[in-house]
Each structure stands twice: as structure tokens, then as C-alpha cells.
Amino acid sequence: MTERKNVFPASEWFDINFLGGFLYSDLEIINQFNQQTYTVGEEKLSSRVLNHWYQYGIITDDRPNNKGWKKFSFSELIWIQIVLKLRNFGLDLKRIKKVKEQINFYNIKDSKSKCPLLDFYMIVALSSNIPIKFIVFESGEAEIVRQSDIDVANELNLIKEDFISIDINKLLDRVLTKKNVKADYLNYSKTSKNPLFNQIEESLSENNIESVTIKVKDKNYLIDEVFFTKDRKQARTLMNMLQYGKIIENKNAGKSTYQITNQKKIKKE
């Protein structure tokens, strides 16, 4: 995959729940999401449109001899709703195919889930009040993420492009008419961000910090905030204000520059 213009910070929540848990699991709900028991009638999506999508690889054509009406899984129905929205936003099938390839990045051989990333975030939306968004950037880059992940990436200036956003919670609520799928759009940020993200935001908001370095040691994050000054008195004053830190004097052509490092430790969740 080419280098991305828009980046979301690595999330311990994602690593634990998706990579370490869901991706290689055999949950019954995965079977339910991927059983092909649904049909899409002519009144909703014509056979001509479906055949066009089959040709572009937007939907996998697994019909016998590529004829007749296809049976769809619940995951495929949700994907169809996403595609219809992307078409309404003006994306052509070539760009939607690129979106699908990125969302399928975590697909693994012999998995019961045809799109683990989408299935995972549907479960999150159904089992919690966390807002989940399917987003597509101007360049065609695509992700499924929590709203809190978007907020953190914006705060750290890691998102460089505008994007369109599809609310997975609302989409599921419309499709599952008998189930009340709701997200808490006011209070999600109070519980979604972990202490590391909060510390990164705090550090980067300080104008006089030149760099921030994060290391992992045992069960802790070690964070070094680095300040520079040419004023010896200011350097000593800064050093005296720190609970843990170090000071280094660098000389160049007889002139001194002082590097002060504020050392912090945050316990991993």
C-alpha cells in the first residue's frame, strides 16, 4: 500500500479488540452476519446495476454460472447501502472499488467474515453507544473508525484532506427496524480517549515544546518533552519546575544552547 496522506494514530483499543480478539475469532455473530439469506428486489436495485457492480468487483458474484438472483449476507446488505451512498456523493465505481480494497485490507484466508473490519465495527455499533464512521477522503483513501479516532487525528494534524462521512450507527438503525441502534454523540469523547492520547494532545498544545518522544517500557509509556533555550537562567528555572528531567548544555562556537527534557510516565491501559 502506498504512503497515506491521512493517518490515524495507533490505538491500543483497536489492537486489543480487533487484531488481538475479533480477527481470528469464531463468534456466532460473524456467522449470522455472513449467512447469505437475503435478496435485493428489482424495486431496490435492478439486475442491470447489480451486473455492473459484479463486473467492477464491487460485489462478489458467487451465483451458479453467474445467473439468477444472488442471495446476500447481512454484511453485504450494509455494504450495498454504503455503495449507494457513495454513488450519491458522486463517486464512480472505479473509486468505490479502491475504497473496497482498502476496507478489505484485513481480510484473511478461510475467514467466515468476508470483510472483518466492517463486521467488527458493526458489532461495536450494535453493542455500544460509540459513534462509528465510514469515511472516504478526497484522494480515495478510506477507513472505518470511531469518531474519537477522527478527533484525535484532527487534533494532531494527521488528516490533510476533506472527507465524506457515513454514520454506521444510523445506517444500522435504518436497516434493523426492530432494533434501536443509537450512538452518544455528546459524551463519547469523555470515555473514548485514553491517557496517552490526552497527554499527546496536551504536549503538542504547548508552544515552547520542540519535540515529543514516546517509548514503551514494560507496562508504561515513557514520554520525553524537549525544550530548547539559549538563556542559562531560564534553563535552570525550567529544570527546577520539573519533577523528573534532565538538562544538557551544547556548545557551538563558544555559544551555549540548553536542552531540557521533561520526563513523564503513563501506565498502559
Protein backbone atom coordinates (compact mmCIF):
# COMPACT_ATOMS: atom_id res chain seq x y z
CA MET A 1 0.00 0.00 0.00
CA THR A 2 1.32 3.45 -0.90
CA GLU A 3 2.13 6.01 1.78
CA ARG A 4 -1.06 7.54 3.10
CA LYS A 5 -1.82 11.26 3.21
CA ASN A 6 -4.18 10.83 6.16
CA VAL A 7 -3.13 8.86 9.24
CA PHE A 8 -4.91 7.73 12.38
CA PRO A 9 -2.73 7.20 15.49
CA ALA A 10 -2.17 3.60 16.54
CA SER A 11 -4.87 2.63 19.02
CA GLU A 12 -4.33 0.11 21.80
CA TRP A 13 -8.12 -0.32 21.84
CA PHE A 14 -8.04 -1.42 18.18
CA ASP A 15 -5.01 -3.68 18.67
CA ILE A 16 -6.59 -5.48 21.61
CA ASN A 17 -10.19 -5.72 20.40
CA PHE A 18 -9.76 -6.21 16.65
CA LEU A 19 -6.25 -7.56 15.93
CA GLY A 20 -5.92 -9.49 19.17
CA GLY A 21 -9.52 -10.58 19.55
CA PHE A 22 -12.03 -10.35 16.73
CA LEU A 23 -9.90 -11.01 13.63
CA TYR A 24 -9.15 -14.66 14.38
CA SER A 25 -12.23 -15.41 16.46
CA ASP A 26 -15.13 -17.72 15.66
CA LEU A 27 -18.02 -15.75 17.11
CA GLU A 28 -21.55 -16.86 16.23
CA ILE A 29 -22.47 -13.31 15.23
CA ILE A 30 -19.86 -13.50 12.43
CA ASN A 31 -21.76 -16.48 11.01
CA GLN A 32 -25.02 -14.54 11.31
CA PHE A 33 -23.57 -11.52 9.52
CA ASN A 34 -22.28 -13.66 6.64
CA GLN A 35 -25.10 -16.15 6.01
CA GLN A 36 -26.47 -15.49 2.53
CA THR A 37 -30.18 -15.44 3.20
CA TYR A 38 -31.34 -12.06 1.86
CA THR A 39 -32.46 -10.92 -1.56
CA VAL A 40 -32.47 -7.45 -3.04
CA GLY A 41 -35.59 -6.92 -5.10
CA GLU A 42 -35.81 -5.23 -8.50
CA GLU A 43 -37.54 -2.27 -6.88
CA LYS A 44 -34.42 -1.52 -4.78
CA LEU A 45 -31.54 -2.43 -7.10
CA SER A 46 -32.02 -3.50 -10.70
CA SER A 47 -30.32 -6.57 -12.17
CA ARG A 48 -28.58 -4.26 -14.66
CA VAL A 49 -26.99 -2.27 -11.82
CA LEU A 50 -26.05 -5.42 -9.93
CA ASN A 51 -24.42 -6.94 -13.03
CA HIS A 52 -22.47 -3.73 -13.49
CA TRP A 53 -21.26 -3.94 -9.91
CA TYR A 54 -20.29 -7.58 -10.37
CA GLN A 55 -18.16 -6.63 -13.37
CA TYR A 56 -16.30 -3.96 -11.37
CA GLY A 57 -15.83 -6.26 -8.36
CA ILE A 58 -17.92 -4.02 -6.11
CA ILE A 59 -19.86 -7.14 -5.08
CA THR A 60 -18.58 -10.71 -5.37
CA ASP A 61 -20.62 -12.64 -7.93
CA ASP A 62 -20.95 -16.14 -6.44
CA ARG A 63 -24.13 -17.12 -8.29
CA PRO A 64 -24.14 -20.54 -10.01
CA ASN A 65 -22.92 -19.90 -13.56
CA ASN A 66 -23.26 -16.16 -12.81
CA LYS A 67 -27.02 -16.36 -13.43
CA GLY A 68 -30.17 -15.74 -11.43
CA TRP A 69 -30.76 -13.66 -8.32
CA LYS A 70 -27.99 -13.63 -5.79
CA LYS A 71 -28.55 -14.23 -2.08
CA PHE A 72 -26.85 -11.64 0.09
CA SER A 73 -25.49 -11.70 3.62
CA PHE A 74 -26.34 -9.00 6.15
CA SER A 75 -22.80 -7.62 5.77
CA GLU A 76 -23.30 -7.40 2.01
CA LEU A 77 -26.60 -5.57 2.52
CA ILE A 78 -24.84 -2.96 4.66
CA TRP A 79 -22.04 -2.68 2.10
CA ILE A 80 -24.66 -2.13 -0.63
CA GLN A 81 -26.15 0.72 1.41
CA ILE A 82 -22.67 2.23 1.75
CA VAL A 83 -22.07 1.92 -2.00
CA LEU A 84 -25.40 3.59 -2.77
CA LYS A 85 -24.46 6.49 -0.52
CA LEU A 86 -21.02 6.80 -2.12
CA ARG A 87 -22.70 6.89 -5.54
CA ASN A 88 -24.99 9.66 -4.29
CA PHE A 89 -21.88 11.55 -3.21
CA GLY A 90 -20.66 11.28 -6.81
CA LEU A 91 -18.02 8.54 -6.56
CA ASP A 92 -17.67 6.41 -9.66
CA LEU A 93 -17.30 2.62 -9.50
CA LYS A 94 -13.55 2.77 -10.08
CA ARG A 95 -13.07 4.87 -6.93
CA ILE A 96 -15.51 2.73 -4.96
CA LYS A 97 -13.51 -0.37 -5.95
CA LYS A 98 -10.43 1.35 -4.50
CA VAL A 99 -12.38 2.04 -1.31
CA LYS A 100 -13.38 -1.61 -1.08
CA GLU A 101 -9.78 -2.78 -1.49
CA GLN A 102 -8.72 -0.65 1.47
CA ILE A 103 -11.57 -1.77 3.70
CA ASN A 104 -10.68 -5.38 2.81
CA PHE A 105 -7.07 -4.84 3.97
CA TYR A 106 -7.55 -7.15 6.98
CA ASN A 107 -9.27 -9.96 5.11
CA ILE A 108 -7.69 -13.30 5.93
CA LYS A 109 -7.86 -16.63 4.12
CA ASP A 110 -10.57 -19.08 5.19
CA SER A 111 -12.24 -16.49 7.43
CA LYS A 112 -16.01 -16.76 7.81
CA SER A 113 -16.13 -12.97 7.60
CA LYS A 114 -15.90 -11.56 4.07
CA CYS A 115 -14.96 -8.15 5.48
CA PRO A 116 -13.73 -8.42 9.09
CA LEU A 117 -13.22 -4.67 9.52
CA LEU A 118 -16.82 -3.84 8.63
CA ASP A 119 -18.20 -6.75 10.69
CA PHE A 120 -16.14 -5.68 13.70
CA TYR A 121 -17.32 -2.09 13.66
CA MET A 122 -20.93 -3.17 13.13
CA ILE A 123 -20.65 -5.23 16.32
CA VAL A 124 -19.18 -2.21 18.14
CA ALA A 125 -22.06 -0.03 16.93
CA LEU A 126 -24.67 -2.65 17.91
CA SER A 127 -23.21 -3.36 21.34
CA SER A 128 -22.24 0.14 22.49
CA ASN A 129 -23.07 3.81 22.03
CA ILE A 130 -19.74 4.61 20.35
CA PRO A 131 -20.19 6.64 17.12
CA ILE A 132 -18.70 4.73 14.16
CA LYS A 133 -17.91 6.42 10.84
CA PHE A 134 -17.12 5.09 7.36
CA ILE A 135 -15.03 7.86 5.81
CA VAL A 136 -13.63 8.44 2.32
CA PHE A 137 -11.06 11.16 1.64
CA GLU A 138 -10.66 13.28 -1.49
CA SER A 139 -7.78 11.07 -2.68
CA GLY A 140 -9.88 7.91 -2.29
CA GLU A 141 -8.28 6.78 0.96
CA ALA A 142 -10.87 5.12 3.18
CA GLU A 143 -11.25 3.97 6.78
CA ILE A 144 -13.82 2.75 9.28
CA VAL A 145 -13.09 4.39 12.63
CA ARG A 146 -14.58 5.69 15.85
CA GLN A 147 -15.48 9.37 15.91
CA SER A 148 -12.93 9.77 18.72
CA ASP A 149 -10.18 8.50 16.37
CA ILE A 150 -11.11 11.21 13.87
CA ASP A 151 -11.00 13.81 16.65
CA VAL A 152 -7.52 12.74 17.78
CA ALA A 153 -6.15 12.64 14.22
CA ASN A 154 -7.52 16.13 13.58
CA GLU A 155 -6.05 17.41 16.85
CA LEU A 156 -2.63 16.04 15.87
CA ASN A 157 -2.95 17.46 12.33
CA LEU A 158 -2.69 13.99 10.78
CA ILE A 159 -5.70 14.47 8.49
CA LYS A 160 -4.68 16.50 5.45
CA GLU A 161 -7.80 16.19 3.26
CA ASP A 162 -11.52 16.78 3.49
CA PHE A 163 -13.67 13.66 3.60
CA ILE A 164 -17.22 12.39 3.33
CA SER A 165 -18.61 10.50 6.30
CA ILE A 166 -21.24 7.78 6.55
CA ASP A 167 -22.72 7.17 10.00
CA ILE A 168 -22.68 3.39 10.55
CA ASN A 169 -24.86 3.64 13.67
CA LYS A 170 -27.64 5.46 11.81
CA LEU A 171 -27.32 3.16 8.80
CA LEU A 172 -27.76 0.08 11.02
CA ASP A 173 -30.68 1.74 12.79
CA ARG A 174 -32.48 2.23 9.46
CA VAL A 175 -31.83 -1.31 8.24
CA LEU A 176 -32.64 -3.02 11.57
CA THR A 177 -36.06 -1.51 12.10
CA LYS A 178 -36.78 -3.63 15.18
CA LYS A 179 -33.52 -2.75 16.94
CA ASN A 180 -32.74 0.64 18.43
CA VAL A 181 -29.14 1.42 17.36
CA LYS A 182 -28.07 4.68 18.96
CA ALA A 183 -24.79 6.50 19.46
CA ASP A 184 -23.93 9.01 22.16
CA TYR A 185 -22.69 11.98 20.12
CA LEU A 186 -22.26 14.25 23.15
CA ASN A 187 -20.35 12.17 25.68
CA TYR A 188 -18.31 9.70 23.60
CA SER A 189 -15.09 11.73 23.93
CA LYS A 190 -15.21 11.57 27.73
CA THR A 191 -14.68 7.83 27.71
CA SER A 192 -13.07 7.12 24.35
CA LYS A 193 -9.69 8.80 24.69
CA ASN A 194 -7.03 7.03 26.69
CA PRO A 195 -4.48 8.85 28.90
CA LEU A 196 -1.76 8.57 26.23
CA PHE A 197 -3.84 10.46 23.65
CA ASN A 198 -4.70 13.09 26.25
CA GLN A 199 -1.03 13.54 27.10
CA ILE A 200 -0.03 13.81 23.42
CA GLU A 201 -2.67 16.49 22.87
CA GLU A 202 -1.51 18.37 25.96
CA SER A 203 2.16 18.19 24.92
CA LEU A 204 1.56 19.32 21.35
CA SER A 205 -0.53 22.25 22.54
CA GLU A 206 2.49 23.71 24.39
CA ASN A 207 4.12 26.30 22.14
CA ASN A 208 7.61 26.03 23.65
CA ILE A 209 7.97 22.24 23.27
CA GLU A 210 10.24 21.41 20.33
CA SER A 211 9.69 17.64 20.20
CA VAL A 212 7.83 14.80 21.89
CA THR A 213 9.22 11.25 22.05
CA ILE A 214 7.19 8.24 23.18
CA LYS A 215 8.69 4.89 24.15
CA VAL A 216 7.15 1.72 25.55
CA LYS A 217 8.75 0.05 28.55
CA ASP A 218 7.09 -2.87 30.29
CA LYS A 219 3.58 -1.66 31.17
CA ASN A 220 4.28 2.05 30.77
CA TYR A 221 4.59 4.75 28.13
CA LEU A 222 7.68 6.92 28.64
CA ILE A 223 7.20 10.43 27.27
CA ASP A 224 10.02 12.95 26.80
CA GLU A 225 9.07 16.59 26.16
CA VAL A 226 12.10 18.54 24.92
CA PHE A 227 12.61 22.30 25.33
CA PHE A 228 15.49 24.41 23.96
CA THR A 229 16.73 27.79 25.19
CA LYS A 230 19.86 29.93 24.92
CA ASP A 231 19.20 31.52 28.30
CA ARG A 232 21.06 29.74 31.10
CA LYS A 233 18.86 31.25 33.82
CA GLN A 234 15.67 30.22 32.01
CA ALA A 235 17.05 26.71 31.56
CA ARG A 236 17.69 26.40 35.30
CA THR A 237 14.25 27.80 36.09
CA LEU A 238 12.57 25.27 33.78
CA MET A 239 14.62 22.45 35.27
CA ASN A 240 13.64 23.39 38.82
CA MET A 241 9.97 23.22 37.84
CA LEU A 242 10.20 19.61 36.68
CA GLN A 243 9.63 16.57 38.87
CA TYR A 244 11.70 14.32 36.60
CA GLY A 245 14.01 15.62 33.89
CA LYS A 246 17.49 16.33 32.62
CA ILE A 247 19.43 19.24 31.18
CA ILE A 248 22.13 19.14 28.51
CA GLU A 249 24.38 22.05 27.57
CA ASN A 250 25.54 22.12 23.94
CA LYS A 251 28.27 24.50 22.77
CA ASN A 252 28.79 25.77 19.24
CA ALA A 253 31.46 28.41 18.51
CA GLY A 254 31.58 29.19 22.20
CA LYS A 255 27.83 29.83 22.48
CA SER A 256 25.69 27.60 24.69
CA THR A 257 22.28 26.11 23.96
CA TYR A 258 20.40 24.27 26.69
CA GLN A 259 18.20 21.23 26.08
CA ILE A 260 15.75 20.48 28.87
CA THR A 261 13.83 17.21 28.84
CA ASN A 262 10.68 16.77 30.90
CA GLN A 263 10.23 13.05 31.54
CA LYS A 264 6.76 11.60 32.16
CA LYS A 265 5.41 8.10 32.63
CA ILE A 266 1.89 6.90 31.84
CA LYS A 267 0.63 3.44 32.69
CA LYS A 268 -0.73 1.48 29.72
CA GLU A 269 -4.42 0.64 29.92
